[in-house]
Amino acid sequence: MALEESHVRRAAHLARLAISDDQATRFVDDLSQILDMVDQLQKVDTDGVAPLAHPLDATQRLRADEVTDTNQRDQYQRCAPAVEDGLYLVPRVVE
């Protein structure tokens, strides 16, 4: 499918973007190159290739799941406008 300036203008309109004539012409060239590259990638035989999340066989280093901060709930609730039984009271939003 050949990309035309009318396609670029339509996409810009749908995206609510204002583009000049010069920009539209450049976008036709840029987007055509991108679509050509996508066509080229789709021709690659990927049968038997397992999908990868990362090209390197690496595992994520995770930190230990330990509490590192001290409990400051009482200090925070002292400056709250309304608290009851250790819970913050807020105005009802949904009726």
N, C-alpha and C. Protein backbone atom coordinates (compact mmCIF):
# COMPACT_ATOMS: atom_id res chain seq x y z
N MET A 1 0.84 -1.18 0.00
CA MET A 1 0.00 0.00 0.00
C MET A 1 0.88 1.24 0.00
N ALA A 2 0.69 2.08 -0.95
CA ALA A 2 1.47 3.32 -1.03
C ALA A 2 0.84 4.36 -0.10
N LEU A 3 1.69 4.99 0.66
CA LEU A 3 1.23 6.01 1.59
C LEU A 3 1.16 7.35 0.86
N GLU A 4 0.08 8.05 1.05
CA GLU A 4 -0.11 9.33 0.39
C GLU A 4 -0.25 10.43 1.43
N GLU A 5 -0.13 11.65 0.98
CA GLU A 5 -0.23 12.79 1.89
C GLU A 5 -1.62 12.87 2.53
N SER A 6 -2.64 12.42 1.82
CA SER A 6 -3.99 12.45 2.39
C SER A 6 -4.09 11.49 3.59
N HIS A 7 -3.36 10.38 3.54
CA HIS A 7 -3.35 9.45 4.68
C HIS A 7 -2.70 10.10 5.91
N VAL A 8 -1.61 10.81 5.67
CA VAL A 8 -0.91 11.48 6.77
C VAL A 8 -1.80 12.57 7.35
N ARG A 9 -2.46 13.32 6.49
CA ARG A 9 -3.35 14.39 6.98
C ARG A 9 -4.52 13.80 7.77
N ARG A 10 -5.05 12.67 7.31
CA ARG A 10 -6.16 12.01 8.02
C ARG A 10 -5.71 11.53 9.39
N ALA A 11 -4.54 10.92 9.46
CA ALA A 11 -4.01 10.45 10.74
C ALA A 11 -3.75 11.63 11.67
N ALA A 12 -3.22 12.72 11.14
CA ALA A 12 -2.98 13.91 11.96
C ALA A 12 -4.29 14.48 12.47
N HIS A 13 -5.31 14.49 11.62
CA HIS A 13 -6.62 14.98 12.05
C HIS A 13 -7.19 14.11 13.18
N LEU A 14 -7.09 12.79 13.02
CA LEU A 14 -7.61 11.89 14.06
C LEU A 14 -6.86 12.04 15.37
N ALA A 15 -5.55 12.35 15.27
CA ALA A 15 -4.74 12.54 16.47
C ALA A 15 -4.81 13.97 16.98
N ARG A 16 -5.59 14.80 16.31
CA ARG A 16 -5.76 16.21 16.67
C ARG A 16 -4.42 16.94 16.65
N LEU A 17 -3.64 16.70 15.57
CA LEU A 17 -2.36 17.35 15.38
C LEU A 17 -2.45 18.31 14.21
N ALA A 18 -1.91 19.47 14.37
CA ALA A 18 -1.84 20.44 13.27
C ALA A 18 -0.48 20.28 12.60
N ILE A 19 -0.49 19.98 11.29
CA ILE A 19 0.78 19.83 10.57
C ILE A 19 0.74 20.72 9.33
N SER A 20 1.91 21.23 8.98
CA SER A 20 2.02 22.09 7.80
C SER A 20 2.19 21.22 6.55
N ASP A 21 2.15 21.85 5.38
CA ASP A 21 2.33 21.13 4.13
C ASP A 21 3.71 20.49 4.07
N ASP A 22 4.72 21.23 4.52
CA ASP A 22 6.09 20.72 4.52
C ASP A 22 6.21 19.50 5.43
N GLN A 23 5.62 19.58 6.62
CA GLN A 23 5.65 18.46 7.55
C GLN A 23 4.93 17.25 6.98
N ALA A 24 3.80 17.46 6.36
CA ALA A 24 3.05 16.34 5.79
C ALA A 24 3.87 15.62 4.73
N THR A 25 4.58 16.37 3.91
CA THR A 25 5.42 15.76 2.88
C THR A 25 6.55 14.96 3.51
N ARG A 26 7.18 15.52 4.54
CA ARG A 26 8.26 14.79 5.22
C ARG A 26 7.72 13.54 5.92
N PHE A 27 6.54 13.64 6.52
CA PHE A 27 5.97 12.49 7.21
C PHE A 27 5.62 11.37 6.24
N VAL A 28 5.22 11.71 5.03
CA VAL A 28 4.95 10.68 4.02
C VAL A 28 6.22 9.88 3.77
N ASP A 29 7.34 10.57 3.60
CA ASP A 29 8.61 9.89 3.36
C ASP A 29 9.03 9.06 4.57
N ASP A 30 8.97 9.66 5.77
CA ASP A 30 9.38 8.96 6.99
C ASP A 30 8.51 7.73 7.25
N LEU A 31 7.21 7.90 7.17
CA LEU A 31 6.32 6.78 7.44
C LEU A 31 6.43 5.70 6.37
N SER A 32 6.69 6.09 5.13
CA SER A 32 6.88 5.09 4.07
C SER A 32 8.11 4.24 4.36
N GLN A 33 9.18 4.88 4.85
CA GLN A 33 10.39 4.12 5.20
C GLN A 33 10.11 3.16 6.36
N ILE A 34 9.33 3.61 7.33
CA ILE A 34 8.99 2.75 8.47
C ILE A 34 8.16 1.56 8.00
N LEU A 35 7.17 1.82 7.16
CA LEU A 35 6.33 0.72 6.66
C LEU A 35 7.12 -0.24 5.78
N ASP A 36 8.09 0.27 5.03
CA ASP A 36 8.95 -0.61 4.24
C ASP A 36 9.78 -1.51 5.15
N MET A 37 10.27 -0.96 6.26
CA MET A 37 11.04 -1.75 7.19
C MET A 37 10.17 -2.83 7.85
N VAL A 38 8.93 -2.50 8.16
CA VAL A 38 8.00 -3.48 8.74
C VAL A 38 7.75 -4.60 7.73
N ASP A 39 7.56 -4.25 6.47
CA ASP A 39 7.38 -5.28 5.44
C ASP A 39 8.60 -6.18 5.35
N GLN A 40 9.76 -5.59 5.46
CA GLN A 40 11.00 -6.35 5.40
C GLN A 40 11.11 -7.29 6.60
N LEU A 41 10.72 -6.83 7.78
CA LEU A 41 10.77 -7.67 8.97
C LEU A 41 9.76 -8.82 8.90
N GLN A 42 8.62 -8.57 8.27
CA GLN A 42 7.60 -9.62 8.19
C GLN A 42 8.03 -10.74 7.25
N LYS A 43 8.99 -10.50 6.37
CA LYS A 43 9.47 -11.52 5.46
C LYS A 43 10.45 -12.49 6.14
N VAL A 44 10.95 -12.14 7.31
CA VAL A 44 11.91 -12.97 8.02
C VAL A 44 11.22 -14.23 8.53
N ASP A 45 11.87 -15.38 8.32
CA ASP A 45 11.32 -16.66 8.78
C ASP A 45 11.61 -16.81 10.28
N THR A 46 10.56 -16.79 11.08
CA THR A 46 10.73 -16.91 12.53
C THR A 46 10.17 -18.22 13.07
N ASP A 47 9.92 -19.18 12.21
CA ASP A 47 9.43 -20.48 12.66
C ASP A 47 10.49 -21.14 13.53
N GLY A 48 10.09 -21.64 14.65
CA GLY A 48 11.00 -22.32 15.55
C GLY A 48 11.80 -21.40 16.45
N VAL A 49 11.53 -20.12 16.40
CA VAL A 49 12.22 -19.17 17.26
C VAL A 49 11.32 -18.86 18.44
N ALA A 50 11.82 -19.14 19.62
CA ALA A 50 11.03 -18.89 20.83
C ALA A 50 11.00 -17.39 21.13
N PRO A 51 9.85 -16.88 21.57
CA PRO A 51 9.79 -15.46 21.91
C PRO A 51 10.67 -15.15 23.12
N LEU A 52 11.24 -13.97 23.12
CA LEU A 52 12.15 -13.56 24.19
C LEU A 52 11.62 -12.31 24.88
N ALA A 53 11.86 -12.24 26.17
CA ALA A 53 11.58 -11.00 26.89
C ALA A 53 12.83 -10.13 26.88
N HIS A 54 13.99 -10.77 26.74
CA HIS A 54 15.27 -10.06 26.74
C HIS A 54 16.25 -10.89 25.94
N PRO A 55 17.10 -10.27 25.13
CA PRO A 55 18.01 -11.06 24.30
C PRO A 55 19.10 -11.78 25.08
N LEU A 56 19.37 -11.37 26.29
CA LEU A 56 20.39 -12.02 27.10
C LEU A 56 19.73 -12.94 28.11
N ASP A 57 20.37 -14.03 28.40
CA ASP A 57 19.84 -14.98 29.38
C ASP A 57 20.22 -14.49 30.77
N ALA A 58 19.46 -13.55 31.27
CA ALA A 58 19.75 -12.94 32.55
C ALA A 58 18.54 -13.03 33.45
N THR A 59 18.79 -13.10 34.72
CA THR A 59 17.70 -13.10 35.69
C THR A 59 17.75 -11.78 36.46
N GLN A 60 16.61 -11.38 36.93
CA GLN A 60 16.50 -10.13 37.68
C GLN A 60 16.95 -10.37 39.11
N ARG A 61 17.87 -9.54 39.54
CA ARG A 61 18.29 -9.63 40.93
C ARG A 61 17.24 -8.94 41.78
N LEU A 62 16.73 -9.65 42.76
CA LEU A 62 15.70 -9.09 43.63
C LEU A 62 16.27 -8.88 45.02
N ARG A 63 15.85 -7.83 45.65
CA ARG A 63 16.28 -7.60 47.02
C ARG A 63 15.41 -8.42 47.97
N ALA A 64 15.90 -8.62 49.13
CA ALA A 64 15.14 -9.36 50.13
C ALA A 64 13.90 -8.57 50.52
N ASP A 65 12.80 -9.26 50.74
CA ASP A 65 11.54 -8.62 51.10
C ASP A 65 11.53 -8.40 52.61
N GLU A 66 12.19 -7.33 53.03
CA GLU A 66 12.32 -7.04 54.45
C GLU A 66 11.83 -5.62 54.73
N VAL A 67 11.27 -5.41 55.90
CA VAL A 67 10.83 -4.08 56.32
C VAL A 67 12.07 -3.27 56.65
N THR A 68 12.21 -2.11 56.03
CA THR A 68 13.38 -1.27 56.29
C THR A 68 12.99 0.05 56.95
N ASP A 69 11.74 0.48 56.83
CA ASP A 69 11.28 1.72 57.45
C ASP A 69 10.62 1.42 58.79
N THR A 70 10.76 2.36 59.69
CA THR A 70 10.11 2.18 60.99
C THR A 70 8.64 2.57 60.87
N ASN A 71 7.82 2.02 61.75
CA ASN A 71 6.39 2.31 61.76
C ASN A 71 6.17 3.71 62.34
N GLN A 72 5.65 4.62 61.52
CA GLN A 72 5.41 5.99 61.95
C GLN A 72 3.93 6.35 61.84
N ARG A 73 3.07 5.34 61.90
CA ARG A 73 1.64 5.59 61.73
C ARG A 73 1.10 6.56 62.77
N ASP A 74 1.46 6.38 64.03
CA ASP A 74 0.95 7.27 65.08
C ASP A 74 1.37 8.72 64.84
N GLN A 75 2.59 8.93 64.40
CA GLN A 75 3.07 10.28 64.12
C GLN A 75 2.29 10.90 62.96
N TYR A 76 2.04 10.12 61.90
CA TYR A 76 1.29 10.64 60.75
C TYR A 76 -0.17 10.91 61.11
N GLN A 77 -0.75 10.07 61.95
CA GLN A 77 -2.16 10.24 62.28
C GLN A 77 -2.40 11.39 63.25
N ARG A 78 -1.37 11.79 63.96
CA ARG A 78 -1.53 12.94 64.84
C ARG A 78 -1.81 14.22 64.06
N CYS A 79 -1.30 14.33 62.84
CA CYS A 79 -1.52 15.55 62.07
C CYS A 79 -2.67 15.39 61.06
N ALA A 80 -3.34 14.24 61.05
CA ALA A 80 -4.47 14.02 60.14
C ALA A 80 -5.71 14.71 60.70
N PRO A 81 -6.59 15.20 59.85
CA PRO A 81 -7.78 15.90 60.33
C PRO A 81 -8.76 14.99 61.08
N ALA A 82 -8.91 13.73 60.64
CA ALA A 82 -9.86 12.84 61.31
C ALA A 82 -9.34 11.40 61.25
N VAL A 83 -9.26 10.77 62.44
CA VAL A 83 -8.76 9.40 62.56
C VAL A 83 -9.65 8.66 63.54
N GLU A 84 -9.88 7.37 63.26
CA GLU A 84 -10.65 6.55 64.18
C GLU A 84 -10.15 5.11 64.09
N ASP A 85 -9.81 4.52 65.23
CA ASP A 85 -9.31 3.15 65.31
C ASP A 85 -8.13 2.89 64.38
N GLY A 86 -7.24 3.87 64.26
CA GLY A 86 -6.06 3.70 63.43
C GLY A 86 -6.30 3.88 61.94
N LEU A 87 -7.50 4.33 61.57
CA LEU A 87 -7.83 4.54 60.16
C LEU A 87 -8.08 6.02 59.90
N TYR A 88 -7.74 6.47 58.69
CA TYR A 88 -8.00 7.84 58.29
C TYR A 88 -9.45 7.95 57.86
N LEU A 89 -10.16 8.97 58.35
CA LEU A 89 -11.54 9.22 57.96
C LEU A 89 -11.56 10.29 56.88
N VAL A 90 -12.23 9.98 55.80
CA VAL A 90 -12.31 10.92 54.66
C VAL A 90 -13.77 11.14 54.32
N PRO A 91 -14.09 12.26 53.65
CA PRO A 91 -15.47 12.49 53.26
C PRO A 91 -15.94 11.45 52.24
N ARG A 92 -17.20 11.10 52.31
CA ARG A 92 -17.77 10.14 51.37
C ARG A 92 -17.79 10.75 49.97
N VAL A 93 -17.32 10.00 49.00
CA VAL A 93 -17.23 10.48 47.64
C VAL A 93 -18.33 9.85 46.79
N VAL A 94 -18.60 8.57 47.01
CA VAL A 94 -19.61 7.85 46.23
C VAL A 94 -20.82 7.61 47.14
N GLU A 95 -21.99 7.92 46.62
CA GLU A 95 -23.20 7.71 47.44
C GLU A 95 -23.98 6.54 46.94
